[in-house]
Amino acid sequence: MTNTRPQRADATRNREAILDATLTCLSRDPTASMASIAAEAGVGRVTLYGHFSSRAELVEAVLVHALHSSEHTLGEVDAGGPAADALRRLVDSSWQILNTFRTALVAAENELPAETIRRHHEAPMKRVESLIERGRVEGAFRTDLPTAWLVACFYSTLHTAAAEISAGRLREKDASRVISATIDAVLTA
């Protein structure tokens, strides 16, 4: 039988504090320990484990939390007009979000099965897929490669850009231009 009672206010605050602390800790170190996360959240390890029974469960919750907060930002991107223009606007928002949550994704990749990560990315991937399909209908994007491959190239480019920024090989101020030019080359070649 599922417990449908709402969480107490302090339990909700603790959960939010743990998720925020996890993002903070993972931004410094994707291998941050449960003990360091509990300390950052200002809760004991018993409280932390009361909310999340394992590091994998916590990392998955943080991934979901980050994706949900990202969805709000991405949902506000103007998807009107030509698909190529809409995709550029999406790039402008997406790369910054990915750069912000990059280390949380690294932690997720170390803790979770790839299929779990992909499942949680379905909504943003559908948004890109829809724009690519629309661009194909408009005659702006290539049709000789599978849509799923082009979506994967889109996300791989964003992830690579975040890694290059982190490594100091790409300046943040250049990222949007570089990413858009790369994605344009892939979609219109």
C-alpha atoms as a PDB file:
ATOM      1  CA  MET A   1       0.000   0.000   0.000  1.00  0.00           C
ATOM      2  CA  THR A   2       1.419   3.386  -1.011  1.00  0.00           C
ATOM      3  CA  ASN A   3       1.596   6.145   1.554  1.00  0.00           C
ATOM      4  CA  THR A   4      -0.230   9.127   0.066  1.00  0.00           C
ATOM      5  CA  ARG A   5       0.178  11.463   3.036  1.00  0.00           C
ATOM      6  CA  PRO A   6       2.067  14.638   2.180  1.00  0.00           C
ATOM      7  CA  GLN A   7       5.545  15.040   3.618  1.00  0.00           C
ATOM      8  CA  ARG A   8       5.950  17.196   6.687  1.00  0.00           C
ATOM      9  CA  ALA A   9       7.238  20.697   5.958  1.00  0.00           C
ATOM     10  CA  ASP A  10      10.608  19.994   7.610  1.00  0.00           C
ATOM     11  CA  ALA A  11      11.007  16.780   5.604  1.00  0.00           C
ATOM     12  CA  THR A  12      10.286  18.691   2.400  1.00  0.00           C
ATOM     13  CA  ARG A  13      12.820  21.375   3.377  1.00  0.00           C
ATOM     14  CA  ASN A  14      15.407  18.701   4.179  1.00  0.00           C
ATOM     15  CA  ARG A  15      14.845  16.991   0.831  1.00  0.00           C
ATOM     16  CA  GLU A  16      15.251  20.290  -1.046  1.00  0.00           C
ATOM     17  CA  ALA A  17      18.350  21.151   0.998  1.00  0.00           C
ATOM     18  CA  ILE A  18      19.827  17.741   0.187  1.00  0.00           C
ATOM     19  CA  LEU A  19      19.154  18.154  -3.554  1.00  0.00           C
ATOM     20  CA  ASP A  20      20.642  21.673  -3.571  1.00  0.00           C
ATOM     21  CA  ALA A  21      23.652  20.524  -1.538  1.00  0.00           C
ATOM     22  CA  THR A  22      24.170  17.589  -3.880  1.00  0.00           C
ATOM     23  CA  LEU A  23      24.280  19.910  -6.889  1.00  0.00           C
ATOM     24  CA  THR A  24      26.756  22.136  -5.048  1.00  0.00           C
ATOM     25  CA  CYS A  25      28.954  19.214  -4.022  1.00  0.00           C
ATOM     26  CA  LEU A  26      28.813  17.566  -7.441  1.00  0.00           C
ATOM     27  CA  SER A  27      29.754  20.855  -9.106  1.00  0.00           C
ATOM     28  CA  ARG A  28      32.995  20.720  -7.129  1.00  0.00           C
ATOM     29  CA  ASP A  29      33.510  16.974  -7.344  1.00  0.00           C
ATOM     30  CA  PRO A  30      31.346  14.481  -9.285  1.00  0.00           C
ATOM     31  CA  THR A  31      32.487  11.778  -6.846  1.00  0.00           C
ATOM     32  CA  ALA A  32      31.390  13.700  -3.724  1.00  0.00           C
ATOM     33  CA  SER A  33      30.575  11.378  -0.830  1.00  0.00           C
ATOM     34  CA  MET A  34      27.255  11.043   0.930  1.00  0.00           C
ATOM     35  CA  ALA A  35      28.939  12.366   4.091  1.00  0.00           C
ATOM     36  CA  SER A  36      30.096  15.550   2.372  1.00  0.00           C
ATOM     37  CA  ILE A  37      26.646  16.034   0.835  1.00  0.00           C
ATOM     38  CA  ALA A  38      24.962  15.611   4.226  1.00  0.00           C
ATOM     39  CA  ALA A  39      27.369  18.134   5.760  1.00  0.00           C
ATOM     40  CA  GLU A  40      26.723  20.623   2.943  1.00  0.00           C
ATOM     41  CA  ALA A  41      22.956  20.176   3.405  1.00  0.00           C
ATOM     42  CA  GLY A  42      23.233  20.666   7.151  1.00  0.00           C
ATOM     43  CA  VAL A  43      21.610  17.312   7.884  1.00  0.00           C
ATOM     44  CA  GLY A  44      22.872  14.106   9.417  1.00  0.00           C
ATOM     45  CA  ARG A  45      23.637  11.030   7.378  1.00  0.00           C
ATOM     46  CA  VAL A  46      20.607   9.293   8.927  1.00  0.00           C
ATOM     47  CA  THR A  47      18.374  12.059   7.549  1.00  0.00           C
ATOM     48  CA  LEU A  48      20.072  11.866   4.165  1.00  0.00           C
ATOM     49  CA  TYR A  49      19.625   8.098   3.984  1.00  0.00           C
ATOM     50  CA  GLY A  50      16.043   8.529   5.203  1.00  0.00           C
ATOM     51  CA  HIS A  51      15.333  10.393   1.978  1.00  0.00           C
ATOM     52  CA  PHE A  52      17.709   8.554  -0.371  1.00  0.00           C
ATOM     53  CA  SER A  53      18.697   4.985   0.362  1.00  0.00           C
ATOM     54  CA  SER A  54      21.782   5.043  -1.883  1.00  0.00           C
ATOM     55  CA  ARG A  55      24.087   7.413  -3.725  1.00  0.00           C
ATOM     56  CA  ALA A  56      22.637   6.209  -7.019  1.00  0.00           C
ATOM     57  CA  GLU A  57      19.118   7.070  -5.860  1.00  0.00           C
ATOM     58  CA  LEU A  58      20.301  10.533  -4.766  1.00  0.00           C
ATOM     59  CA  VAL A  59      22.167  11.179  -8.021  1.00  0.00           C
ATOM     60  CA  GLU A  60      19.109  10.119 -10.018  1.00  0.00           C
ATOM     61  CA  ALA A  61      16.906  12.459  -7.956  1.00  0.00           C
ATOM     62  CA  VAL A  62      19.335  15.316  -8.606  1.00  0.00           C
ATOM     63  CA  LEU A  63      19.364  14.534 -12.322  1.00  0.00           C
ATOM     64  CA  VAL A  64      15.549  14.610 -12.382  1.00  0.00           C
ATOM     65  CA  HIS A  65      15.534  17.813 -10.299  1.00  0.00           C
ATOM     66  CA  ALA A  66      18.001  19.496 -12.685  1.00  0.00           C
ATOM     67  CA  LEU A  67      16.070  18.373 -15.754  1.00  0.00           C
ATOM     68  CA  HIS A  68      12.771  19.612 -14.323  1.00  0.00           C
ATOM     69  CA  SER A  69      14.215  23.032 -13.562  1.00  0.00           C
ATOM     70  CA  SER A  70      15.790  23.073 -17.038  1.00  0.00           C
ATOM     71  CA  GLU A  71      12.478  22.217 -18.675  1.00  0.00           C
ATOM     72  CA  HIS A  72      11.010  25.482 -17.397  1.00  0.00           C
ATOM     73  CA  THR A  73      13.780  27.469 -19.100  1.00  0.00           C
ATOM     74  CA  LEU A  74      13.676  25.444 -22.306  1.00  0.00           C
ATOM     75  CA  GLY A  75       9.878  25.605 -22.430  1.00  0.00           C
ATOM     76  CA  GLU A  76      10.147  29.395 -22.637  1.00  0.00           C
ATOM     77  CA  VAL A  77      12.343  29.326 -25.744  1.00  0.00           C
ATOM     78  CA  ASP A  78      10.459  30.687 -28.758  1.00  0.00           C
ATOM     79  CA  ALA A  79       9.996  27.698 -31.061  1.00  0.00           C
ATOM     80  CA  GLY A  80       8.205  29.748 -33.708  1.00  0.00           C
ATOM     81  CA  GLY A  81       9.452  30.771 -37.117  1.00  0.00           C
ATOM     82  CA  PRO A  82      11.836  28.756 -39.240  1.00  0.00           C
ATOM     83  CA  ALA A  83      13.091  25.597 -37.513  1.00  0.00           C
ATOM     84  CA  ALA A  84      16.751  26.562 -38.046  1.00  0.00           C
ATOM     85  CA  ASP A  85      16.212  29.855 -36.166  1.00  0.00           C
ATOM     86  CA  ALA A  86      14.271  28.118 -33.388  1.00  0.00           C
ATOM     87  CA  LEU A  87      17.051  25.540 -33.034  1.00  0.00           C
ATOM     88  CA  ARG A  88      19.639  28.327 -32.679  1.00  0.00           C
ATOM     89  CA  ARG A  89      17.553  29.897 -29.903  1.00  0.00           C
ATOM     90  CA  LEU A  90      17.337  26.478 -28.250  1.00  0.00           C
ATOM     91  CA  VAL A  91      21.135  26.138 -28.470  1.00  0.00           C
ATOM     92  CA  ASP A  92      21.550  29.519 -26.764  1.00  0.00           C
ATOM     93  CA  SER A  93      19.560  28.262 -23.753  1.00  0.00           C
ATOM     94  CA  SER A  94      20.533  24.591 -23.790  1.00  0.00           C
ATOM     95  CA  TRP A  95      24.311  24.874 -23.689  1.00  0.00           C
ATOM     96  CA  GLN A  96      24.194  27.151 -20.641  1.00  0.00           C
ATOM     97  CA  ILE A  97      21.927  24.734 -18.790  1.00  0.00           C
ATOM     98  CA  LEU A  98      24.111  21.790 -19.706  1.00  0.00           C
ATOM     99  CA  ASN A  99      27.233  23.676 -18.657  1.00  0.00           C
ATOM    100  CA  THR A 100      25.627  24.451 -15.279  1.00  0.00           C
ATOM    101  CA  PHE A 101      24.650  20.833 -14.603  1.00  0.00           C
ATOM    102  CA  ARG A 102      27.603  19.198 -16.388  1.00  0.00           C
ATOM    103  CA  THR A 103      29.171  17.650 -13.282  1.00  0.00           C
ATOM    104  CA  ALA A 104      25.817  16.313 -12.092  1.00  0.00           C
ATOM    105  CA  LEU A 105      25.576  14.524 -15.425  1.00  0.00           C
ATOM    106  CA  VAL A 106      29.108  13.147 -14.975  1.00  0.00           C
ATOM    107  CA  ALA A 107      28.042  11.782 -11.590  1.00  0.00           C
ATOM    108  CA  ALA A 108      24.899  10.308 -13.153  1.00  0.00           C
ATOM    109  CA  GLU A 109      26.939   8.650 -15.893  1.00  0.00           C
ATOM    110  CA  ASN A 110      29.131   7.063 -13.202  1.00  0.00           C
ATOM    111  CA  GLU A 111      26.192   5.890 -11.052  1.00  0.00           C
ATOM    112  CA  LEU A 112      23.282   5.104 -13.345  1.00  0.00           C
ATOM    113  CA  PRO A 113      22.626   2.881 -16.340  1.00  0.00           C
ATOM    114  CA  ALA A 114      22.725   4.768 -19.648  1.00  0.00           C
ATOM    115  CA  GLU A 115      19.088   3.837 -20.319  1.00  0.00           C
ATOM    116  CA  THR A 116      17.984   5.525 -17.086  1.00  0.00           C
ATOM    117  CA  ILE A 117      19.773   8.736 -18.058  1.00  0.00           C
ATOM    118  CA  ARG A 118      18.312   8.610 -21.554  1.00  0.00           C
ATOM    119  CA  ARG A 119      14.796   8.020 -20.204  1.00  0.00           C
ATOM    120  CA  HIS A 120      15.064  11.143 -18.070  1.00  0.00           C
ATOM    121  CA  HIS A 121      16.191  13.143 -21.117  1.00  0.00           C
ATOM    122  CA  GLU A 122      13.163  12.187 -23.229  1.00  0.00           C
ATOM    123  CA  ALA A 123      11.350  15.549 -22.982  1.00  0.00           C
ATOM    124  CA  PRO A 124      14.286  17.730 -24.062  1.00  0.00           C
ATOM    125  CA  MET A 125      15.211  15.204 -26.748  1.00  0.00           C
ATOM    126  CA  LYS A 126      11.645  15.269 -28.101  1.00  0.00           C
ATOM    127  CA  ARG A 127      11.888  19.062 -28.370  1.00  0.00           C
ATOM    128  CA  VAL A 128      15.030  18.797 -30.516  1.00  0.00           C
ATOM    129  CA  GLU A 129      13.593  15.920 -32.549  1.00  0.00           C
ATOM    130  CA  SER A 130      10.478  17.958 -33.294  1.00  0.00           C
ATOM    131  CA  LEU A 131      12.548  20.932 -34.495  1.00  0.00           C
ATOM    132  CA  ILE A 132      14.702  18.701 -36.688  1.00  0.00           C
ATOM    133  CA  GLU A 133      11.646  17.047 -38.215  1.00  0.00           C
ATOM    134  CA  ARG A 134      10.069  20.462 -38.820  1.00  0.00           C
ATOM    135  CA  GLY A 135      13.302  21.679 -40.425  1.00  0.00           C
ATOM    136  CA  ARG A 136      13.259  18.667 -42.740  1.00  0.00           C
ATOM    137  CA  VAL A 137       9.711  19.463 -43.839  1.00  0.00           C
ATOM    138  CA  GLU A 138      10.766  23.082 -44.435  1.00  0.00           C
ATOM    139  CA  GLY A 139      13.687  21.838 -46.541  1.00  0.00           C
ATOM    140  CA  ALA A 140      16.227  23.424 -44.195  1.00  0.00           C
ATOM    141  CA  PHE A 141      17.738  20.225 -42.755  1.00  0.00           C
ATOM    142  CA  ARG A 142      19.192  17.146 -44.354  1.00  0.00           C
ATOM    143  CA  THR A 143      17.067  14.045 -44.772  1.00  0.00           C
ATOM    144  CA  ASP A 144      19.772  11.494 -45.601  1.00  0.00           C
ATOM    145  CA  LEU A 145      20.588  10.660 -41.958  1.00  0.00           C
ATOM    146  CA  PRO A 146      18.270   9.257 -39.285  1.00  0.00           C
ATOM    147  CA  THR A 147      16.621  11.828 -37.035  1.00  0.00           C
ATOM    148  CA  ALA A 148      17.759   9.945 -33.939  1.00  0.00           C
ATOM    149  CA  TRP A 149      21.367  10.294 -35.112  1.00  0.00           C
ATOM    150  CA  LEU A 150      20.979  14.038 -35.664  1.00  0.00           C
ATOM    151  CA  VAL A 151      19.450  14.435 -32.188  1.00  0.00           C
ATOM    152  CA  ALA A 152      22.390  12.486 -30.734  1.00  0.00           C
ATOM    153  CA  CYS A 153      24.815  14.754 -32.615  1.00  0.00           C
ATOM    154  CA  PHE A 154      23.022  17.806 -31.197  1.00  0.00           C
ATOM    155  CA  TYR A 155      23.403  16.581 -27.614  1.00  0.00           C
ATOM    156  CA  SER A 156      26.935  15.307 -28.144  1.00  0.00           C
ATOM    157  CA  THR A 157      27.949  18.737 -29.420  1.00  0.00           C
ATOM    158  CA  LEU A 158      26.478  20.423 -26.327  1.00  0.00           C
ATOM    159  CA  HIS A 159      28.203  17.963 -24.001  1.00  0.00           C
ATOM    160  CA  THR A 160      31.510  18.334 -25.803  1.00  0.00           C
ATOM    161  CA  ALA A 161      31.258  22.124 -25.618  1.00  0.00           C
ATOM    162  CA  ALA A 162      30.680  21.963 -21.859  1.00  0.00           C
ATOM    163  CA  ALA A 163      33.726  19.696 -21.483  1.00  0.00           C
ATOM    164  CA  GLU A 164      35.835  22.036 -23.620  1.00  0.00           C
ATOM    165  CA  ILE A 165      34.763  25.049 -21.553  1.00  0.00           C
ATOM    166  CA  SER A 166      35.692  23.165 -18.400  1.00  0.00           C
ATOM    167  CA  ALA A 167      39.082  22.254 -19.886  1.00  0.00           C
ATOM    168  CA  GLY A 168      39.720  25.877 -20.875  1.00  0.00           C
ATOM    169  CA  ARG A 169      39.833  25.145 -24.594  1.00  0.00           C
ATOM    170  CA  LEU A 170      36.581  26.986 -25.407  1.00  0.00           C
ATOM    171  CA  ARG A 171      35.639  30.363 -24.014  1.00  0.00           C
ATOM    172  CA  GLU A 172      32.100  30.652 -22.646  1.00  0.00           C
ATOM    173  CA  LYS A 173      31.526  33.807 -24.674  1.00  0.00           C
ATOM    174  CA  ASP A 174      32.263  31.847 -27.872  1.00  0.00           C
ATOM    175  CA  ALA A 175      30.258  28.735 -26.993  1.00  0.00           C
ATOM    176  CA  SER A 176      26.892  29.644 -28.481  1.00  0.00           C
ATOM    177  CA  ARG A 177      28.425  30.679 -31.820  1.00  0.00           C
ATOM    178  CA  VAL A 178      30.675  27.619 -32.011  1.00  0.00           C
ATOM    179  CA  ILE A 179      27.910  25.189 -31.047  1.00  0.00           C
ATOM    180  CA  SER A 180      25.428  26.718 -33.498  1.00  0.00           C
ATOM    181  CA  ALA A 181      27.954  26.652 -36.345  1.00  0.00           C
ATOM    182  CA  THR A 182      28.778  23.007 -35.612  1.00  0.00           C
ATOM    183  CA  ILE A 183      25.145  21.949 -35.417  1.00  0.00           C
ATOM    184  CA  ASP A 184      24.305  23.915 -38.569  1.00  0.00           C
ATOM    185  CA  ALA A 185      27.092  22.064 -40.388  1.00  0.00           C
ATOM    186  CA  VAL A 186      25.751  18.699 -39.220  1.00  0.00           C
ATOM    187  CA  LEU A 187      22.117  19.461 -40.062  1.00  0.00           C
ATOM    188  CA  THR A 188      22.606  21.181 -43.401  1.00  0.00           C
ATOM    189  CA  ALA A 189      25.575  19.383 -44.973  1.00  0.00           C
END
